Amino acid sequence: MVWGKPRDDGPTWPRGDEDSTQAPQTLREGRGPRGALEVAGRVESLWLGCGAPDVQTGGATSGALAVRGWTTSFLGVGVVGYVQRDDTAPLEDPDRRDPWRVLARTPVSFN
């Protein structure tokens, strides 16, 4: 969490400063604005055919970076980007070894 309270276990909605009587302070003052901001990253690697005679050697390495923001008690926004590097191009598209995608979301809480 960049700012806001960390999420508890389970499907909870993170919150920022719950005291609505005080004006939000800046990050420089040690606290962020109301709401919450979460940044997450992930890297994975898959190796195939390591000593198995019937499996073609190869694999893929992939990574993801996500930024999620909870702006109010019921609305959030999120953007995540994925990139992958295949050791061997797929048969269907032999020129493509570096697929990537970006996904934007707007979660809504009905609690």
N, C-alpha and C. Protein backbone atom coordinates (compact mmCIF):
# COMPACT_ATOMS: atom_id res chain seq x y z
N MET A 1 0.84 -1.17 0.00
CA MET A 1 0.00 0.00 0.00
C MET A 1 0.89 1.24 0.00
N VAL A 2 0.66 2.13 -0.93
CA VAL A 2 1.39 3.39 -0.98
C VAL A 2 0.80 4.34 0.05
N TRP A 3 -0.52 4.39 0.12
CA TRP A 3 -1.20 5.07 1.21
C TRP A 3 -2.53 4.39 1.46
N GLY A 4 -3.12 4.66 2.61
CA GLY A 4 -4.34 3.98 3.03
C GLY A 4 -4.00 2.81 3.92
N LYS A 5 -5.01 2.29 4.58
CA LYS A 5 -4.81 1.15 5.47
C LYS A 5 -4.71 -0.13 4.63
N PRO A 6 -3.80 -1.03 4.98
CA PRO A 6 -3.69 -2.29 4.24
C PRO A 6 -4.99 -3.09 4.34
N ARG A 7 -5.26 -3.88 3.32
CA ARG A 7 -6.45 -4.73 3.33
C ARG A 7 -6.30 -5.84 4.35
N ASP A 8 -7.41 -6.23 4.96
CA ASP A 8 -7.43 -7.39 5.84
C ASP A 8 -7.60 -8.63 4.98
N ASP A 9 -7.50 -9.80 5.61
CA ASP A 9 -7.75 -11.04 4.87
C ASP A 9 -9.18 -11.05 4.37
N GLY A 10 -9.36 -11.61 3.19
CA GLY A 10 -10.70 -11.69 2.62
C GLY A 10 -10.98 -10.53 1.69
N PRO A 11 -12.19 -10.48 1.19
CA PRO A 11 -12.54 -9.47 0.19
C PRO A 11 -12.94 -8.13 0.84
N THR A 12 -12.02 -7.51 1.53
CA THR A 12 -12.33 -6.23 2.17
C THR A 12 -11.92 -5.08 1.28
N TRP A 13 -12.50 -3.95 1.52
CA TRP A 13 -12.25 -2.73 0.74
C TRP A 13 -11.33 -1.85 1.57
N PRO A 14 -10.10 -1.58 1.10
CA PRO A 14 -9.19 -0.76 1.91
C PRO A 14 -9.70 0.67 2.03
N ARG A 15 -9.37 1.30 3.12
CA ARG A 15 -9.84 2.67 3.36
C ARG A 15 -8.66 3.55 3.71
N GLY A 16 -8.81 4.79 3.43
CA GLY A 16 -7.82 5.77 3.83
C GLY A 16 -8.17 6.34 5.18
N ASP A 17 -7.95 7.60 5.36
CA ASP A 17 -8.24 8.29 6.60
C ASP A 17 -9.75 8.33 6.81
N GLU A 18 -10.23 7.71 7.89
CA GLU A 18 -11.67 7.63 8.15
C GLU A 18 -12.22 8.88 8.81
N ASP A 19 -11.37 9.74 9.33
CA ASP A 19 -11.82 10.93 10.02
C ASP A 19 -12.15 12.01 8.99
N SER A 20 -13.43 12.23 8.71
CA SER A 20 -13.82 13.18 7.67
C SER A 20 -13.83 14.62 8.17
N THR A 21 -13.51 14.86 9.45
CA THR A 21 -13.51 16.23 9.97
C THR A 21 -12.21 16.94 9.68
N GLN A 22 -11.16 16.21 9.33
CA GLN A 22 -9.87 16.83 9.04
C GLN A 22 -9.61 16.82 7.54
N ALA A 23 -8.95 17.87 7.08
CA ALA A 23 -8.59 17.93 5.66
C ALA A 23 -7.50 16.90 5.37
N PRO A 24 -7.50 16.32 4.16
CA PRO A 24 -6.45 15.35 3.82
C PRO A 24 -5.08 16.00 3.80
N GLN A 25 -4.09 15.26 4.27
CA GLN A 25 -2.72 15.76 4.28
C GLN A 25 -1.96 15.19 3.10
N THR A 26 -0.87 15.80 2.75
CA THR A 26 -0.09 15.35 1.61
C THR A 26 0.83 14.21 2.00
N LEU A 27 1.36 13.52 1.00
CA LEU A 27 2.31 12.44 1.26
C LEU A 27 3.56 12.96 1.96
N ARG A 28 3.95 14.17 1.66
CA ARG A 28 5.14 14.76 2.26
C ARG A 28 4.96 14.93 3.77
N GLU A 29 3.72 15.12 4.23
CA GLU A 29 3.46 15.27 5.65
C GLU A 29 3.29 13.91 6.34
N GLY A 30 3.47 12.83 5.60
CA GLY A 30 3.43 11.51 6.20
C GLY A 30 2.12 10.79 6.02
N ARG A 31 1.14 11.41 5.39
CA ARG A 31 -0.14 10.74 5.16
C ARG A 31 -0.64 11.10 3.77
N GLY A 32 -1.37 10.19 3.19
CA GLY A 32 -1.91 10.43 1.86
C GLY A 32 -3.32 10.96 1.91
N PRO A 33 -3.88 11.25 0.77
CA PRO A 33 -5.26 11.71 0.73
C PRO A 33 -6.22 10.58 1.10
N ARG A 34 -7.49 10.91 1.25
CA ARG A 34 -8.48 9.88 1.55
C ARG A 34 -8.46 8.84 0.45
N GLY A 35 -8.91 7.65 0.79
CA GLY A 35 -8.86 6.54 -0.15
C GLY A 35 -7.61 5.72 0.09
N ALA A 36 -7.27 4.91 -0.86
CA ALA A 36 -6.10 4.05 -0.72
C ALA A 36 -5.51 3.77 -2.10
N LEU A 37 -4.21 3.58 -2.15
CA LEU A 37 -3.52 3.26 -3.41
C LEU A 37 -2.60 2.08 -3.16
N GLU A 38 -2.73 1.08 -4.02
CA GLU A 38 -1.96 -0.15 -3.89
C GLU A 38 -1.19 -0.38 -5.19
N VAL A 39 0.08 -0.75 -5.07
CA VAL A 39 0.92 -1.08 -6.22
C VAL A 39 1.44 -2.49 -6.01
N ALA A 40 1.35 -3.33 -7.04
CA ALA A 40 1.79 -4.71 -6.92
C ALA A 40 2.52 -5.13 -8.20
N GLY A 41 3.50 -5.99 -8.04
CA GLY A 41 4.25 -6.52 -9.17
C GLY A 41 4.42 -8.01 -9.04
N ARG A 42 4.65 -8.66 -10.18
CA ARG A 42 4.80 -10.11 -10.17
C ARG A 42 5.69 -10.53 -11.33
N VAL A 43 6.56 -11.50 -11.11
CA VAL A 43 7.40 -12.08 -12.16
C VAL A 43 7.29 -13.59 -12.03
N GLU A 44 7.12 -14.26 -13.16
CA GLU A 44 6.99 -15.72 -13.18
C GLU A 44 7.84 -16.29 -14.30
N SER A 45 8.29 -17.51 -14.13
CA SER A 45 9.05 -18.19 -15.17
C SER A 45 8.61 -19.64 -15.22
N LEU A 46 8.47 -20.17 -16.42
CA LEU A 46 8.04 -21.55 -16.64
C LEU A 46 9.07 -22.24 -17.52
N TRP A 47 9.60 -23.36 -17.05
CA TRP A 47 10.57 -24.12 -17.83
C TRP A 47 9.94 -25.45 -18.20
N LEU A 48 9.98 -25.79 -19.47
CA LEU A 48 9.41 -27.04 -19.96
C LEU A 48 10.51 -27.92 -20.54
N GLY A 49 10.32 -29.23 -20.44
CA GLY A 49 11.22 -30.18 -21.07
C GLY A 49 12.55 -30.33 -20.37
N CYS A 50 12.62 -30.08 -19.09
CA CYS A 50 13.87 -30.21 -18.34
C CYS A 50 14.12 -31.69 -18.04
N GLY A 51 14.70 -32.41 -18.99
CA GLY A 51 15.01 -33.83 -18.79
C GLY A 51 13.89 -34.76 -19.21
N ALA A 52 12.77 -34.24 -19.67
CA ALA A 52 11.68 -35.10 -20.12
C ALA A 52 11.83 -35.31 -21.63
N PRO A 53 12.05 -36.54 -22.08
CA PRO A 53 12.33 -36.76 -23.51
C PRO A 53 11.13 -36.49 -24.42
N ASP A 54 9.91 -36.54 -23.91
CA ASP A 54 8.73 -36.35 -24.75
C ASP A 54 8.16 -34.93 -24.69
N VAL A 55 8.85 -33.99 -24.03
CA VAL A 55 8.38 -32.61 -23.93
C VAL A 55 9.42 -31.70 -24.58
N GLN A 56 8.97 -30.83 -25.50
CA GLN A 56 9.88 -29.91 -26.17
C GLN A 56 10.44 -28.91 -25.17
N THR A 57 11.75 -28.67 -25.22
CA THR A 57 12.40 -27.72 -24.35
C THR A 57 11.93 -26.30 -24.68
N GLY A 58 11.73 -25.52 -23.67
CA GLY A 58 11.28 -24.13 -23.86
C GLY A 58 10.62 -23.62 -22.60
N GLY A 59 9.83 -22.59 -22.75
CA GLY A 59 9.13 -22.02 -21.61
C GLY A 59 8.81 -20.57 -21.87
N ALA A 60 8.55 -19.87 -20.79
CA ALA A 60 8.18 -18.46 -20.90
C ALA A 60 8.51 -17.75 -19.60
N THR A 61 8.78 -16.46 -19.70
CA THR A 61 8.96 -15.59 -18.54
C THR A 61 7.95 -14.46 -18.70
N SER A 62 7.25 -14.15 -17.62
CA SER A 62 6.23 -13.10 -17.70
C SER A 62 6.29 -12.22 -16.47
N GLY A 63 5.71 -11.04 -16.61
CA GLY A 63 5.65 -10.10 -15.50
C GLY A 63 4.38 -9.28 -15.58
N ALA A 64 3.99 -8.75 -14.45
CA ALA A 64 2.79 -7.90 -14.38
C ALA A 64 3.04 -6.78 -13.39
N LEU A 65 2.44 -5.64 -13.66
CA LEU A 65 2.49 -4.49 -12.76
C LEU A 65 1.08 -3.94 -12.66
N ALA A 66 0.58 -3.81 -11.43
CA ALA A 66 -0.78 -3.35 -11.22
C ALA A 66 -0.79 -2.15 -10.28
N VAL A 67 -1.70 -1.22 -10.56
CA VAL A 67 -1.94 -0.07 -9.69
C VAL A 67 -3.44 -0.02 -9.46
N ARG A 68 -3.84 -0.06 -8.18
CA ARG A 68 -5.25 0.00 -7.82
C ARG A 68 -5.47 1.16 -6.89
N GLY A 69 -6.53 1.88 -7.13
CA GLY A 69 -6.89 2.99 -6.26
C GLY A 69 -8.33 2.88 -5.82
N TRP A 70 -8.57 3.07 -4.53
CA TRP A 70 -9.91 3.08 -3.98
C TRP A 70 -10.21 4.53 -3.64
N THR A 71 -11.03 5.16 -4.46
CA THR A 71 -11.23 6.60 -4.35
C THR A 71 -12.30 6.99 -3.34
N THR A 72 -13.32 6.17 -3.18
CA THR A 72 -14.39 6.43 -2.22
C THR A 72 -14.69 5.14 -1.47
N SER A 73 -15.71 5.15 -0.65
CA SER A 73 -16.08 3.94 0.09
C SER A 73 -16.76 2.91 -0.81
N PHE A 74 -17.05 3.26 -2.07
CA PHE A 74 -17.73 2.31 -2.94
C PHE A 74 -17.15 2.21 -4.35
N LEU A 75 -16.20 3.07 -4.73
CA LEU A 75 -15.70 3.09 -6.11
C LEU A 75 -14.18 3.04 -6.15
N GLY A 76 -13.66 2.27 -7.09
CA GLY A 76 -12.21 2.19 -7.26
C GLY A 76 -11.85 2.17 -8.74
N VAL A 77 -10.57 2.27 -9.01
CA VAL A 77 -10.05 2.19 -10.38
C VAL A 77 -8.78 1.34 -10.34
N GLY A 78 -8.49 0.71 -11.45
CA GLY A 78 -7.28 -0.10 -11.50
C GLY A 78 -6.78 -0.26 -12.92
N VAL A 79 -5.47 -0.36 -13.05
CA VAL A 79 -4.81 -0.61 -14.34
C VAL A 79 -3.74 -1.66 -14.09
N VAL A 80 -3.69 -2.65 -14.98
CA VAL A 80 -2.66 -3.68 -14.87
C VAL A 80 -2.08 -3.93 -16.27
N GLY A 81 -0.77 -4.11 -16.33
CA GLY A 81 -0.09 -4.42 -17.57
C GLY A 81 0.63 -5.74 -17.46
N TYR A 82 0.52 -6.55 -18.50
CA TYR A 82 1.18 -7.86 -18.54
C TYR A 82 2.13 -7.91 -19.73
N VAL A 83 3.28 -8.53 -19.55
CA VAL A 83 4.21 -8.76 -20.65
C VAL A 83 4.75 -10.19 -20.50
N GLN A 84 5.01 -10.83 -21.62
CA GLN A 84 5.48 -12.22 -21.60
C GLN A 84 6.55 -12.39 -22.67
N ARG A 85 7.54 -13.20 -22.38
CA ARG A 85 8.61 -13.53 -23.33
C ARG A 85 8.65 -15.05 -23.48
N ASP A 86 8.24 -15.53 -24.66
CA ASP A 86 8.23 -16.97 -24.93
C ASP A 86 9.58 -17.39 -25.47
N ASP A 87 10.12 -18.51 -24.97
CA ASP A 87 11.38 -19.04 -25.48
C ASP A 87 11.22 -19.50 -26.92
N THR A 88 10.08 -20.07 -27.23
CA THR A 88 9.77 -20.55 -28.57
C THR A 88 8.44 -19.94 -29.00
N ALA A 89 8.40 -19.38 -30.19
CA ALA A 89 7.15 -18.77 -30.68
C ALA A 89 6.09 -19.85 -30.88
N PRO A 90 4.80 -19.50 -30.67
CA PRO A 90 3.74 -20.48 -30.90
C PRO A 90 3.64 -20.85 -32.38
N LEU A 91 3.22 -22.07 -32.67
CA LEU A 91 3.10 -22.53 -34.05
C LEU A 91 2.11 -21.67 -34.84
N GLU A 92 1.04 -21.19 -34.19
CA GLU A 92 0.01 -20.41 -34.87
C GLU A 92 0.51 -19.04 -35.31
N ASP A 93 1.52 -18.50 -34.62
CA ASP A 93 2.02 -17.15 -34.92
C ASP A 93 3.53 -17.13 -34.70
N PRO A 94 4.32 -17.65 -35.65
CA PRO A 94 5.76 -17.82 -35.44
C PRO A 94 6.56 -16.52 -35.28
N ASP A 95 5.98 -15.38 -35.63
CA ASP A 95 6.68 -14.10 -35.47
C ASP A 95 6.40 -13.43 -34.13
N ARG A 96 5.60 -14.04 -33.30
CA ARG A 96 5.20 -13.39 -32.04
C ARG A 96 5.80 -14.13 -30.85
N ARG A 97 6.76 -13.48 -30.19
CA ARG A 97 7.37 -14.06 -28.99
C ARG A 97 7.21 -13.16 -27.78
N ASP A 98 6.70 -11.94 -27.97
CA ASP A 98 6.60 -10.98 -26.86
C ASP A 98 5.19 -10.40 -26.74
N PRO A 99 4.18 -11.22 -26.40
CA PRO A 99 2.84 -10.65 -26.26
C PRO A 99 2.74 -9.77 -25.00
N TRP A 100 1.85 -8.78 -25.06
CA TRP A 100 1.60 -7.90 -23.93
C TRP A 100 0.14 -7.47 -23.96
N ARG A 101 -0.38 -7.06 -22.83
CA ARG A 101 -1.75 -6.56 -22.74
C ARG A 101 -1.89 -5.62 -21.56
N VAL A 102 -2.87 -4.74 -21.66
CA VAL A 102 -3.18 -3.78 -20.60
C VAL A 102 -4.67 -3.90 -20.31
N LEU A 103 -5.02 -3.93 -19.04
CA LEU A 103 -6.41 -4.07 -18.63
C LEU A 103 -6.75 -2.97 -17.63
N ALA A 104 -7.85 -2.27 -17.86
CA ALA A 104 -8.33 -1.25 -16.94
C ALA A 104 -9.64 -1.73 -16.32
N ARG A 105 -9.82 -1.49 -15.02
CA ARG A 105 -11.01 -1.92 -14.30
C ARG A 105 -11.58 -0.80 -13.47
N THR A 106 -12.87 -0.88 -13.22
CA THR A 106 -13.53 0.03 -12.29
C THR A 106 -14.37 -0.82 -11.34
N PRO A 107 -13.82 -1.21 -10.20
CA PRO A 107 -14.60 -2.00 -9.24
C PRO A 107 -15.58 -1.14 -8.46
N VAL A 108 -16.73 -1.72 -8.15
CA VAL A 108 -17.77 -1.06 -7.36
C VAL A 108 -18.13 -1.96 -6.21
N SER A 109 -18.24 -1.42 -5.01
CA SER A 109 -18.63 -2.19 -3.83
C SER A 109 -20.08 -1.89 -3.49
N PHE A 110 -20.89 -2.95 -3.36
CA PHE A 110 -22.29 -2.79 -3.00
C PHE A 110 -22.55 -3.10 -1.53
N ASN A 111 -21.48 -3.11 -0.71
CA ASN A 111 -21.65 -3.39 0.73
C ASN A 111 -22.13 -2.17 1.47
